[in-house]
C-alpha cells in the first residue's frame, strides 16, 4: 500500500483543489499543513530531489517574504533551503508525495500523473 502525503495550505485555492482531487480519486492522503509544521531541511532536500528542482525552482518568487529577504540574487542552495525551512511561505504549493516521487499541483494534472 502506498502512502500519499500533501503539503497543503488551506488558504490557497490550488491547494484546496488538490485536496479535493485526492478525495475525489479516493486517495487517503496525509495532509500536512506545512505552514504550521514546516518540513525539515532533510525533508525539503528529499522533495527537491524527487522533483528534480533546485531550491530556487521551488520558491514562490512573488511572495512578500521573498522580496523582503532579498533572495533574488542568492544562488547558494544550502542557504536557499535554510531560508525555505525558516520561511515556509516561500515553498511552492501544493506538493503531493507518493512512492518516492513528488509533483507540484500547478497544474493539477501533475498530481493526476503522479497518482497513475
PDB file of N, CA and C in Angstrom:
ATOM      1  N   UNK A   1       0.841  -1.182   0.000  1.00  0.00           N
ATOM      2  CA  UNK A   1       0.000   0.000   0.000  1.00  0.00           C
ATOM      3  C   UNK A   1       0.888   1.248   0.000  1.00  0.00           C
ATOM      4  N   UNK A   2       0.613   2.152  -0.905  1.00  0.00           N
ATOM      5  CA  UNK A   2       1.447   3.350  -0.981  1.00  0.00           C
ATOM      6  C   UNK A   2       0.904   4.443  -0.059  1.00  0.00           C
ATOM      7  N   UNK A   3       1.811   5.252   0.398  1.00  0.00           N
ATOM      8  CA  UNK A   3       1.460   6.374   1.254  1.00  0.00           C
ATOM      9  C   UNK A   3       1.506   7.637   0.413  1.00  0.00           C
ATOM     10  N   UNK A   4       0.479   8.444   0.546  1.00  0.00           N
ATOM     11  CA  UNK A   4       0.423   9.707  -0.169  1.00  0.00           C
ATOM     12  C   UNK A   4       0.373  10.817   0.867  1.00  0.00           C
ATOM     13  N   UNK A   5       1.173  11.850   0.615  1.00  0.00           N
ATOM     14  CA  UNK A   5       1.233  12.994   1.511  1.00  0.00           C
ATOM     15  C   UNK A   5       1.068  14.249   0.664  1.00  0.00           C
ATOM     16  N   UNK A   6       0.373  15.239   1.203  1.00  0.00           N
ATOM     17  CA  UNK A   6       0.256  16.519   0.514  1.00  0.00           C
ATOM     18  C   UNK A   6       0.669  17.633   1.457  1.00  0.00           C
ATOM     19  N   UNK A   7       1.567  18.491   0.962  1.00  0.00           N
ATOM     20  CA  UNK A   7       1.916  19.711   1.693  1.00  0.00           C
ATOM     21  C   UNK A   7       0.872  20.731   1.284  1.00  0.00           C
ATOM     22  N   UNK A   8       0.058  21.130   2.242  1.00  0.00           N
ATOM     23  CA  UNK A   8      -1.179  21.866   1.975  1.00  0.00           C
ATOM     24  C   UNK A   8      -1.222  23.189   2.720  1.00  0.00           C
ATOM     25  N   UNK A   9      -1.734  24.201   2.023  1.00  0.00           N
ATOM     26  CA  UNK A   9      -2.043  25.491   2.642  1.00  0.00           C
ATOM     27  C   UNK A   9      -3.532  25.721   2.421  1.00  0.00           C
ATOM     28  N   UNK A  10      -4.357  25.620   3.475  1.00  0.00           N
ATOM     29  CA  UNK A  10      -5.800  25.746   3.314  1.00  0.00           C
ATOM     30  C   UNK A  10      -6.253  27.095   2.758  1.00  0.00           C
ATOM     31  N   UNK A  11      -5.402  28.110   2.812  1.00  0.00           N
ATOM     32  CA  UNK A  11      -5.773  29.429   2.292  1.00  0.00           C
ATOM     33  C   UNK A  11      -5.551  29.546   0.782  1.00  0.00           C
ATOM     34  N   UNK A  12      -4.936  28.540   0.186  1.00  0.00           N
ATOM     35  CA  UNK A  12      -4.606  28.557  -1.242  1.00  0.00           C
ATOM     36  C   UNK A  12      -5.648  27.759  -2.030  1.00  0.00           C
ATOM     37  N   UNK A  13      -6.238  28.384  -3.033  1.00  0.00           N
ATOM     38  CA  UNK A  13      -7.277  27.702  -3.810  1.00  0.00           C
ATOM     39  C   UNK A  13      -6.726  26.488  -4.561  1.00  0.00           C
ATOM     40  N   UNK A  14      -5.510  26.582  -5.095  1.00  0.00           N
ATOM     41  CA  UNK A  14      -4.913  25.429  -5.794  1.00  0.00           C
ATOM     42  C   UNK A  14      -4.681  24.273  -4.826  1.00  0.00           C
ATOM     43  N   UNK A  15      -4.272  24.608  -3.628  1.00  0.00           N
ATOM     44  CA  UNK A  15      -4.030  23.588  -2.619  1.00  0.00           C
ATOM     45  C   UNK A  15      -5.351  22.918  -2.211  1.00  0.00           C
ATOM     46  N   UNK A  16      -6.379  23.716  -2.026  1.00  0.00           N
ATOM     47  CA  UNK A  16      -7.706  23.156  -1.694  1.00  0.00           C
ATOM     48  C   UNK A  16      -8.209  22.279  -2.836  1.00  0.00           C
ATOM     49  N   UNK A  17      -7.976  22.705  -4.065  1.00  0.00           N
ATOM     50  CA  UNK A  17      -8.379  21.905  -5.228  1.00  0.00           C
ATOM     51  C   UNK A  17      -7.624  20.582  -5.272  1.00  0.00           C
ATOM     52  N   UNK A  18      -6.364  20.605  -4.888  1.00  0.00           N
ATOM     53  CA  UNK A  18      -5.563  19.378  -4.872  1.00  0.00           C
ATOM     54  C   UNK A  18      -6.096  18.395  -3.831  1.00  0.00           C
ATOM     55  N   UNK A  19      -6.445  18.897  -2.647  1.00  0.00           N
ATOM     56  CA  UNK A  19      -7.019  18.033  -1.615  1.00  0.00           C
ATOM     57  C   UNK A  19      -8.338  17.447  -2.119  1.00  0.00           C
ATOM     58  N   UNK A  20      -9.163  18.269  -2.753  1.00  0.00           N
ATOM     59  CA  UNK A  20     -10.444  17.797  -3.299  1.00  0.00           C
ATOM     60  C   UNK A  20     -10.214  16.729  -4.370  1.00  0.00           C
ATOM     61  N   UNK A  21      -9.207  16.926  -5.210  1.00  0.00           N
ATOM     62  CA  UNK A  21      -8.879  15.952  -6.246  1.00  0.00           C
ATOM     63  C   UNK A  21      -8.497  14.612  -5.624  1.00  0.00           C
ATOM     64  N   UNK A  22      -7.654  14.649  -4.608  1.00  0.00           N
ATOM     65  CA  UNK A  22      -7.249  13.411  -3.928  1.00  0.00           C
ATOM     66  C   UNK A  22      -8.467  12.708  -3.333  1.00  0.00           C
ATOM     67  N   UNK A  23      -9.359  13.467  -2.704  1.00  0.00           N
ATOM     68  CA  UNK A  23     -10.573  12.877  -2.125  1.00  0.00           C
ATOM     69  C   UNK A  23     -11.451  12.271  -3.213  1.00  0.00           C
ATOM     70  N   UNK A  24     -11.599  12.997  -4.311  1.00  0.00           N
ATOM     71  CA  UNK A  24     -12.407  12.535  -5.446  1.00  0.00           C
ATOM     72  C   UNK A  24     -11.868  11.224  -6.015  1.00  0.00           C
ATOM     73  N   UNK A  25     -10.549  11.078  -6.000  1.00  0.00           N
ATOM     74  CA  UNK A  25      -9.908   9.863  -6.523  1.00  0.00           C
ATOM     75  C   UNK A  25      -9.852   8.749  -5.473  1.00  0.00           C
ATOM     76  N   UNK A  26     -10.392   9.013  -4.279  1.00  0.00           N
ATOM     77  CA  UNK A  26     -10.395   8.005  -3.220  1.00  0.00           C
ATOM     78  C   UNK A  26      -9.041   7.789  -2.576  1.00  0.00           C
ATOM     79  N   UNK A  27      -8.162   8.780  -2.677  1.00  0.00           N
ATOM     80  CA  UNK A  27      -6.817   8.669  -2.106  1.00  0.00           C
ATOM     81  C   UNK A  27      -6.853   9.157  -0.667  1.00  0.00           C
ATOM     82  N   UNK A  28      -6.438   8.279   0.237  1.00  0.00           N
ATOM     83  CA  UNK A  28      -6.366   8.630   1.651  1.00  0.00           C
ATOM     84  C   UNK A  28      -4.988   9.226   1.913  1.00  0.00           C
ATOM     85  N   UNK A  29      -4.902  10.544   1.779  1.00  0.00           N
ATOM     86  CA  UNK A  29      -3.609  11.215   1.893  1.00  0.00           C
ATOM     87  C   UNK A  29      -3.422  11.811   3.277  1.00  0.00           C
ATOM     88  N   UNK A  30      -2.167  11.820   3.703  1.00  0.00           N
ATOM     89  CA  UNK A  30      -1.793  12.533   4.922  1.00  0.00           C
ATOM     90  C   UNK A  30      -1.671  14.009   4.536  1.00  0.00           C
ATOM     91  N   UNK A  31      -2.490  14.843   5.147  1.00  0.00           N
ATOM     92  CA  UNK A  31      -2.481  16.270   4.842  1.00  0.00           C
ATOM     93  C   UNK A  31      -1.579  16.978   5.852  1.00  0.00           C
ATOM     94  N   UNK A  32      -0.512  17.589   5.342  1.00  0.00           N
ATOM     95  CA  UNK A  32       0.437  18.303   6.188  1.00  0.00           C
ATOM     96  C   UNK A  32       0.272  19.797   5.926  1.00  0.00           C
ATOM     97  N   UNK A  33      -0.187  20.509   6.920  1.00  0.00           N
ATOM     98  CA  UNK A  33      -0.294  21.964   6.801  1.00  0.00           C
ATOM     99  C   UNK A  33       1.112  22.518   7.034  1.00  0.00           C
ATOM    100  N   UNK A  34       1.842  22.632   5.939  1.00  0.00           N
ATOM    101  CA  UNK A  34       3.281  22.892   6.028  1.00  0.00           C
ATOM    102  C   UNK A  34       3.633  24.276   6.579  1.00  0.00           C
ATOM    103  N   UNK A  35       2.678  25.193   6.616  1.00  0.00           N
ATOM    104  CA  UNK A  35       2.971  26.483   7.250  1.00  0.00           C
ATOM    105  C   UNK A  35       2.975  26.336   8.769  1.00  0.00           C
ATOM    106  N   UNK A  36       2.158  25.396   9.280  1.00  0.00           N
ATOM    107  CA  UNK A  36       2.111  25.114  10.718  1.00  0.00           C
ATOM    108  C   UNK A  36       3.219  24.154  11.133  1.00  0.00           C
ATOM    109  N   UNK A  37       3.514  23.201  10.256  1.00  0.00           N
ATOM    110  CA  UNK A  37       4.539  22.192  10.509  1.00  0.00           C
ATOM    111  C   UNK A  37       5.495  22.181   9.327  1.00  0.00           C
ATOM    112  N   UNK A  38       6.436  23.125   9.290  1.00  0.00           N
ATOM    113  CA  UNK A  38       7.344  23.207   8.138  1.00  0.00           C
ATOM    114  C   UNK A  38       8.182  21.939   7.980  1.00  0.00           C
ATOM    115  N   UNK A  39       8.520  21.622   6.731  1.00  0.00           N
ATOM    116  CA  UNK A  39       9.389  20.464   6.517  1.00  0.00           C
ATOM    117  C   UNK A  39      10.780  20.740   7.083  1.00  0.00           C
ATOM    118  N   UNK A  40      11.437  19.678   7.473  1.00  0.00           N
ATOM    119  CA  UNK A  40      12.825  19.809   7.924  1.00  0.00           C
ATOM    120  C   UNK A  40      13.709  20.018   6.698  1.00  0.00           C
ATOM    121  N   UNK A  41      14.937  20.378   6.935  1.00  0.00           N
ATOM    122  CA  UNK A  41      15.913  20.538   5.852  1.00  0.00           C
ATOM    123  C   UNK A  41      16.028  19.229   5.061  1.00  0.00           C
ATOM    124  N   UNK A  42      16.077  18.104   5.783  1.00  0.00           N
ATOM    125  CA  UNK A  42      16.213  16.793   5.132  1.00  0.00           C
ATOM    126  C   UNK A  42      14.983  16.489   4.269  1.00  0.00           C
ATOM    127  N   UNK A  43      13.787  16.751   4.803  1.00  0.00           N
ATOM    128  CA  UNK A  43      12.554  16.509   4.037  1.00  0.00           C
ATOM    129  C   UNK A  43      12.524  17.386   2.783  1.00  0.00           C
ATOM    130  N   UNK A  44      12.886  18.642   2.941  1.00  0.00           N
ATOM    131  CA  UNK A  44      12.860  19.560   1.814  1.00  0.00           C
ATOM    132  C   UNK A  44      13.871  19.143   0.747  1.00  0.00           C
ATOM    133  N   UNK A  45      15.048  18.734   1.166  1.00  0.00           N
ATOM    134  CA  UNK A  45      16.065  18.275   0.219  1.00  0.00           C
ATOM    135  C   UNK A  45      15.589  17.026  -0.531  1.00  0.00           C
ATOM    136  N   UNK A  46      14.913  16.137   0.188  1.00  0.00           N
ATOM    137  CA  UNK A  46      14.387  14.913  -0.444  1.00  0.00           C
ATOM    138  C   UNK A  46      13.335  15.273  -1.494  1.00  0.00           C
ATOM    139  N   UNK A  47      12.452  16.210  -1.182  1.00  0.00           N
ATOM    140  CA  UNK A  47      11.411  16.614  -2.128  1.00  0.00           C
ATOM    141  C   UNK A  47      12.032  17.316  -3.335  1.00  0.00           C
ATOM    142  N   UNK A  48      13.019  18.157  -3.109  1.00  0.00           N
ATOM    143  CA  UNK A  48      13.705  18.799  -4.228  1.00  0.00           C
ATOM    144  C   UNK A  48      14.304  17.744  -5.155  1.00  0.00           C
ATOM    145  N   UNK A  49      14.886  16.714  -4.567  1.00  0.00           N
ATOM    146  CA  UNK A  49      15.470  15.624  -5.353  1.00  0.00           C
ATOM    147  C   UNK A  49      14.385  14.891  -6.145  1.00  0.00           C
ATOM    148  N   UNK A  50      13.254  14.595  -5.497  1.00  0.00           N
ATOM    149  CA  UNK A  50      12.151  13.909  -6.173  1.00  0.00           C
ATOM    150  C   UNK A  50      11.614  14.732  -7.333  1.00  0.00           C
ATOM    151  N   UNK A  51      11.567  16.050  -7.147  1.00  0.00           N
ATOM    152  CA  UNK A  51      11.042  16.942  -8.177  1.00  0.00           C
ATOM    153  C   UNK A  51      12.078  17.255  -9.258  1.00  0.00           C
ATOM    154  N   UNK A  52      13.349  17.013  -8.941  1.00  0.00           N
ATOM    155  CA  UNK A  52      14.407  17.354  -9.873  1.00  0.00           C
ATOM    156  C   UNK A  52      14.574  18.859 -10.026  1.00  0.00           C
ATOM    157  N   UNK A  53      14.351  19.575  -8.935  1.00  0.00           N
ATOM    158  CA  UNK A  53      14.422  21.035  -8.960  1.00  0.00           C
ATOM    159  C   UNK A  53      15.531  21.554  -8.058  1.00  0.00           C
ATOM    160  N   UNK A  54      15.984  22.742  -8.379  1.00  0.00           N
ATOM    161  CA  UNK A  54      16.870  23.466  -7.478  1.00  0.00           C
ATOM    162  C   UNK A  54      15.980  24.139  -6.440  1.00  0.00           C
ATOM    163  N   UNK A  55      16.590  24.637  -5.381  1.00  0.00           N
ATOM    164  CA  UNK A  55      15.822  25.338  -4.353  1.00  0.00           C
ATOM    165  C   UNK A  55      15.070  26.518  -4.965  1.00  0.00           C
ATOM    166  N   UNK A  56      15.719  27.277  -5.836  1.00  0.00           N
ATOM    167  CA  UNK A  56      15.073  28.426  -6.488  1.00  0.00           C
ATOM    168  C   UNK A  56      13.850  27.992  -7.282  1.00  0.00           C
ATOM    169  N   UNK A  57      13.916  26.805  -7.881  1.00  0.00           N
ATOM    170  CA  UNK A  57      12.816  26.287  -8.687  1.00  0.00           C
ATOM    171  C   UNK A  57      11.568  25.964  -7.888  1.00  0.00           C
ATOM    172  N   UNK A  58      11.721  25.836  -6.588  1.00  0.00           N
ATOM    173  CA  UNK A  58      10.589  25.503  -5.722  1.00  0.00           C
ATOM    174  C   UNK A  58      10.092  26.725  -4.945  1.00  0.00           C
ATOM    175  N   UNK A  59      10.690  27.859  -5.205  1.00  0.00           N
ATOM    176  CA  UNK A  59      10.337  29.065  -4.434  1.00  0.00           C
ATOM    177  C   UNK A  59       9.217  29.862  -5.086  1.00  0.00           C
ATOM    178  N   UNK A  60       8.388  30.422  -4.222  1.00  0.00           N
ATOM    179  CA  UNK A  60       7.334  31.348  -4.634  1.00  0.00           C
ATOM    180  C   UNK A  60       7.963  32.744  -4.680  1.00  0.00           C
ATOM    181  N   UNK A  61       8.386  33.135  -5.859  1.00  0.00           N
ATOM    182  CA  UNK A  61       9.149  34.369  -6.010  1.00  0.00           C
ATOM    183  C   UNK A  61       8.302  35.633  -5.891  1.00  0.00           C
ATOM    184  N   UNK A  62       6.987  35.492  -5.892  1.00  0.00           N
ATOM    185  CA  UNK A  62       6.127  36.681  -5.777  1.00  0.00           C
ATOM    186  C   UNK A  62       5.670  36.946  -4.344  1.00  0.00           C
ATOM    187  N   UNK A  63       6.077  36.076  -3.432  1.00  0.00           N
ATOM    188  CA  UNK A  63       5.734  36.287  -2.021  1.00  0.00           C
ATOM    189  C   UNK A  63       6.469  37.508  -1.481  1.00  0.00           C
ATOM    190  N   UNK A  64       5.815  38.253  -0.607  1.00  0.00           N
ATOM    191  CA  UNK A  64       6.444  39.425   0.013  1.00  0.00           C
ATOM    192  C   UNK A  64       7.741  39.052   0.721  1.00  0.00           C
ATOM    193  N   UNK A  65       7.741  37.898   1.416  1.00  0.00           N
ATOM    194  CA  UNK A  65       8.927  37.493   2.173  1.00  0.00           C
ATOM    195  C   UNK A  65      10.120  37.264   1.236  1.00  0.00           C
ATOM    196  N   UNK A  66       9.880  36.817   0.013  1.00  0.00           N
ATOM    197  CA  UNK A  66      10.950  36.641  -0.978  1.00  0.00           C
ATOM    198  C   UNK A  66      11.616  37.985  -1.247  1.00  0.00           C
ATOM    199  N   UNK A  67      10.795  38.986  -1.454  1.00  0.00           N
ATOM    200  CA  UNK A  67      11.320  40.331  -1.724  1.00  0.00           C
ATOM    201  C   UNK A  67      11.974  40.920  -0.483  1.00  0.00           C
ATOM    202  N   UNK A  68      11.341  40.744   0.675  1.00  0.00           N
ATOM    203  CA  UNK A  68      11.872  41.288   1.927  1.00  0.00           C
ATOM    204  C   UNK A  68      13.248  40.716   2.254  1.00  0.00           C
ATOM    205  N   UNK A  69      13.448  39.436   1.971  1.00  0.00           N
ATOM    206  CA  UNK A  69      14.716  38.778   2.274  1.00  0.00           C
ATOM    207  C   UNK A  69      15.788  39.037   1.211  1.00  0.00           C
ATOM    208  N   UNK A  70      15.394  39.638   0.100  1.00  0.00           N
ATOM    209  CA  UNK A  70      16.365  39.934  -0.956  1.00  0.00           C
ATOM    210  C   UNK A  70      17.010  38.690  -1.543  1.00  0.00           C
ATOM    211  N   UNK A  71      16.204  37.690  -1.834  1.00  0.00           N
ATOM    212  CA  UNK A  71      16.689  36.376  -2.267  1.00  0.00           C
ATOM    213  C   UNK A  71      17.066  36.337  -3.749  1.00  0.00           C
ATOM    214  N   UNK A  72      16.571  37.260  -4.528  1.00  0.00           N
ATOM    215  CA  UNK A  72      16.691  37.221  -5.993  1.00  0.00           C
ATOM    216  C   UNK A  72      18.076  36.823  -6.504  1.00  0.00           C
ATOM    217  N   UNK A  73      19.116  37.366  -5.927  1.00  0.00           N
ATOM    218  CA  UNK A  73      20.469  37.112  -6.436  1.00  0.00           C
ATOM    219  C   UNK A  73      21.234  36.031  -5.678  1.00  0.00           C
ATOM    220  N   UNK A  74      20.587  35.388  -4.712  1.00  0.00           N
ATOM    221  CA  UNK A  74      21.254  34.322  -3.955  1.00  0.00           C
ATOM    222  C   UNK A  74      21.217  33.033  -4.775  1.00  0.00           C
ATOM    223  N   UNK A  75      22.353  32.375  -4.897  1.00  0.00           N
ATOM    224  CA  UNK A  75      22.429  31.118  -5.647  1.00  0.00           C
ATOM    225  C   UNK A  75      22.877  29.943  -4.782  1.00  0.00           C
ATOM    226  N   UNK A  76      23.267  30.198  -3.555  1.00  0.00           N
ATOM    227  CA  UNK A  76      23.741  29.150  -2.650  1.00  0.00           C
ATOM    228  C   UNK A  76      22.568  28.247  -2.237  1.00  0.00           C
ATOM    229  N   UNK A  77      22.580  27.007  -2.732  1.00  0.00           N
ATOM    230  CA  UNK A  77      21.478  26.063  -2.469  1.00  0.00           C
ATOM    231  C   UNK A  77      21.226  25.863  -0.981  1.00  0.00           C
ATOM    232  N   UNK A  78      22.298  25.672  -0.230  1.00  0.00           N
ATOM    233  CA  UNK A  78      22.161  25.420   1.204  1.00  0.00           C
ATOM    234  C   UNK A  78      21.483  26.599   1.895  1.00  0.00           C
ATOM    235  N   UNK A  79      21.866  27.797   1.517  1.00  0.00           N
ATOM    236  CA  UNK A  79      21.270  28.989   2.109  1.00  0.00           C
ATOM    237  C   UNK A  79      19.792  29.100   1.717  1.00  0.00           C
ATOM    238  N   UNK A  80      19.479  28.837   0.455  1.00  0.00           N
ATOM    239  CA  UNK A  80      18.093  28.922  -0.016  1.00  0.00           C
ATOM    240  C   UNK A  80      17.209  27.885   0.675  1.00  0.00           C
ATOM    241  N   UNK A  81      17.729  26.687   0.856  1.00  0.00           N
ATOM    242  CA  UNK A  81      16.974  25.642   1.560  1.00  0.00           C
ATOM    243  C   UNK A  81      16.718  26.080   3.002  1.00  0.00           C
ATOM    244  N   UNK A  82      17.734  26.619   3.648  1.00  0.00           N
ATOM    245  CA  UNK A  82      17.574  27.124   5.011  1.00  0.00           C
ATOM    246  C   UNK A  82      16.522  28.216   5.094  1.00  0.00           C
ATOM    247  N   UNK A  83      16.499  29.090   4.095  1.00  0.00           N
ATOM    248  CA  UNK A  83      15.502  30.162   4.077  1.00  0.00           C
ATOM    249  C   UNK A  83      14.085  29.602   3.911  1.00  0.00           C
ATOM    250  N   UNK A  84      13.945  28.541   3.106  1.00  0.00           N
ATOM    251  CA  UNK A  84      12.619  27.928   2.930  1.00  0.00           C
ATOM    252  C   UNK A  84      12.169  27.218   4.204  1.00  0.00           C
ATOM    253  N   UNK A  85      13.089  26.573   4.896  1.00  0.00           N
ATOM    254  CA  UNK A  85      12.746  25.906   6.156  1.00  0.00           C
ATOM    255  C   UNK A  85      12.297  26.948   7.185  1.00  0.00           C
ATOM    256  N   UNK A  86      13.015  28.069   7.242  1.00  0.00           N
ATOM    257  CA  UNK A  86      12.702  29.126   8.199  1.00  0.00           C
ATOM    258  C   UNK A  86      11.477  29.946   7.786  1.00  0.00           C
ATOM    259  N   UNK A  87      11.190  29.967   6.484  1.00  0.00           N
ATOM    260  CA  UNK A  87      10.081  30.764   5.939  1.00  0.00           C
ATOM    261  C   UNK A  87       9.284  29.899   4.968  1.00  0.00           C
ATOM    262  N   UNK A  88       8.481  28.960   5.475  1.00  0.00           N
ATOM    263  CA  UNK A  88       7.802  28.010   4.591  1.00  0.00           C
ATOM    264  C   UNK A  88       6.857  28.650   3.574  1.00  0.00           C
ATOM    265  N   UNK A  89       6.488  29.921   3.759  1.00  0.00           N
ATOM    266  CA  UNK A  89       5.664  30.600   2.753  1.00  0.00           C
ATOM    267  C   UNK A  89       6.377  30.655   1.406  1.00  0.00           C
ATOM    268  N   UNK A  90       7.693  30.513   1.427  1.00  0.00           N
ATOM    269  CA  UNK A  90       8.476  30.539   0.196  1.00  0.00           C
ATOM    270  C   UNK A  90       8.295  29.286  -0.650  1.00  0.00           C
ATOM    271  N   UNK A  91       7.785  28.207  -0.053  1.00  0.00           N
ATOM    272  CA  UNK A  91       7.683  26.919  -0.740  1.00  0.00           C
ATOM    273  C   UNK A  91       6.436  26.894  -1.622  1.00  0.00           C
ATOM    274  N   UNK A  92       6.645  26.532  -2.886  1.00  0.00           N
ATOM    275  CA  UNK A  92       5.529  26.394  -3.824  1.00  0.00           C
ATOM    276  C   UNK A  92       4.561  25.337  -3.304  1.00  0.00           C
ATOM    277  N   UNK A  93       3.310  25.484  -3.643  1.00  0.00           N
ATOM    278  CA  UNK A  93       2.276  24.574  -3.164  1.00  0.00           C
ATOM    279  C   UNK A  93       1.233  24.355  -4.240  1.00  0.00           C
ATOM    280  N   UNK A  94       0.481  23.303  -4.080  1.00  0.00           N
ATOM    281  CA  UNK A  94       0.650  22.163  -3.184  1.00  0.00           C
ATOM    282  C   UNK A  94       1.678  21.185  -3.756  1.00  0.00           C
ATOM    283  N   UNK A  95       2.231  20.391  -2.872  1.00  0.00           N
ATOM    284  CA  UNK A  95       3.161  19.338  -3.288  1.00  0.00           C
ATOM    285  C   UNK A  95       2.583  18.011  -2.805  1.00  0.00           C
ATOM    286  N   UNK A  96       2.466  17.069  -3.735  1.00  0.00           N
ATOM    287  CA  UNK A  96       1.989  15.723  -3.398  1.00  0.00           C
ATOM    288  C   UNK A  96       3.168  14.769  -3.545  1.00  0.00           C
ATOM    289  N   UNK A  97       3.314  13.907  -2.542  1.00  0.00           N
ATOM    290  CA  UNK A  97       4.423  12.952  -2.496  1.00  0.00           C
ATOM    291  C   UNK A  97       3.843  11.543  -2.449  1.00  0.00           C
ATOM    292  N   UNK A  98       4.346  10.683  -3.333  1.00  0.00           N
ATOM    293  CA  UNK A  98       3.875   9.295  -3.381  1.00  0.00           C
ATOM    294  C   UNK A  98       4.992   8.388  -3.867  1.00  0.00           C
ATOM    295  N   UNK A  99       5.281   7.354  -3.112  1.00  0.00           N
ATOM    296  CA  UNK A  99       6.227   6.310  -3.525  1.00  0.00           C
ATOM    297  C   UNK A  99       7.565   6.865  -4.019  1.00  0.00           C
ATOM    298  N   UNK A 100       8.127   7.793  -3.267  1.00  0.00           N
ATOM    299  CA  UNK A 100       9.435   8.326  -3.624  1.00  0.00           C
ATOM    300  C   UNK A 100       9.431   9.291  -4.796  1.00  0.00           C
ATOM    301  N   UNK A 101       8.238   9.728  -5.194  1.00  0.00           N
ATOM    302  CA  UNK A 101       8.105  10.716  -6.260  1.00  0.00           C
ATOM    303  C   UNK A 101       7.263  11.864  -5.729  1.00  0.00           C
ATOM    304  N   UNK A 102       7.384  13.019  -6.382  1.00  0.00           N
ATOM    305  CA  UNK A 102       6.619  14.181  -5.948  1.00  0.00           C
ATOM    306  C   UNK A 102       6.172  14.979  -7.165  1.00  0.00           C
ATOM    307  N   UNK A 103       5.116  15.768  -6.958  1.00  0.00           N
ATOM    308  CA  UNK A 103       4.616  16.649  -8.010  1.00  0.00           C
ATOM    309  C   UNK A 103       4.079  17.915  -7.375  1.00  0.00           C
ATOM    310  N   UNK A 104       4.317  19.026  -8.055  1.00  0.00           N
ATOM    311  CA  UNK A 104       3.712  20.288  -7.653  1.00  0.00           C
ATOM    312  C   UNK A 104       2.363  20.360  -8.367  1.00  0.00           C
ATOM    313  N   UNK A 105       1.321  20.655  -7.628  1.00  0.00           N
ATOM    314  CA  UNK A 105      -0.034  20.668  -8.181  1.00  0.00           C
ATOM    315  C   UNK A 105      -0.383  21.913  -8.956  1.00  0.00           C
ATOM    316  N   UNK A 106       0.523  22.423  -9.726  1.00  0.00           N
ATOM    317  CA  UNK A 106       0.291  23.566 -10.618  1.00  0.00           C
ATOM    318  C   UNK A 106       0.847  23.180 -11.971  1.00  0.00           C
ATOM    319  N   UNK A 107       0.039  22.691 -12.842  1.00  0.00           N
ATOM    320  CA  UNK A 107      -1.399  22.465 -12.776  1.00  0.00           C
ATOM    321  C   UNK A 107      -1.742  21.160 -12.056  1.00  0.00           C
ATOM    322  N   UNK A 108      -3.018  20.989 -11.761  1.00  0.00           N
ATOM    323  CA  UNK A 108      -3.476  19.794 -11.041  1.00  0.00           C
ATOM    324  C   UNK A 108      -3.195  18.511 -11.817  1.00  0.00           C
ATOM    325  N   UNK A 109      -3.053  18.608 -13.121  1.00  0.00           N
ATOM    326  CA  UNK A 109      -2.761  17.429 -13.943  1.00  0.00           C
ATOM    327  C   UNK A 109      -1.454  16.766 -13.513  1.00  0.00           C
ATOM    328  N   UNK A 110      -0.550  17.537 -12.932  1.00  0.00           N
ATOM    329  CA  UNK A 110       0.702  16.954 -12.417  1.00  0.00           C
ATOM    330  C   UNK A 110       0.417  15.911 -11.348  1.00  0.00           C
ATOM    331  N   UNK A 111      -0.594  16.188 -10.511  1.00  0.00           N
ATOM    332  CA  UNK A 111      -0.970  15.252  -9.440  1.00  0.00           C
ATOM    333  C   UNK A 111      -1.614  14.013 -10.051  1.00  0.00           C
ATOM    334  N   UNK A 112      -2.469  14.217 -11.043  1.00  0.00           N
ATOM    335  CA  UNK A 112      -3.120  13.089 -11.716  1.00  0.00           C
ATOM    336  C   UNK A 112      -2.055  12.145 -12.278  1.00  0.00           C
ATOM    337  N   UNK A 113      -1.039  12.698 -12.917  1.00  0.00           N
ATOM    338  CA  UNK A 113       0.056  11.886 -13.474  1.00  0.00           C
ATOM    339  C   UNK A 113       0.786  11.115 -12.377  1.00  0.00           C
ATOM    340  N   UNK A 114       1.031  11.762 -11.257  1.00  0.00           N
ATOM    341  CA  UNK A 114       1.731  11.128 -10.145  1.00  0.00           C
ATOM    342  C   UNK A 114       0.943   9.940  -9.595  1.00  0.00           C
ATOM    343  N   UNK A 115      -0.370  10.048  -9.582  1.00  0.00           N
ATOM    344  CA  UNK A 115      -1.219   9.014  -9.000  1.00  0.00           C
ATOM    345  C   UNK A 115      -1.365   7.779  -9.885  1.00  0.00           C
ATOM    346  N   UNK A 116      -0.981   7.874 -11.157  1.00  0.00           N
ATOM    347  CA  UNK A 116      -1.127   6.739 -12.077  1.00  0.00           C
ATOM    348  C   UNK A 116      -0.239   5.593 -11.690  1.00  0.00           C
TER     349      UNK A 116
END
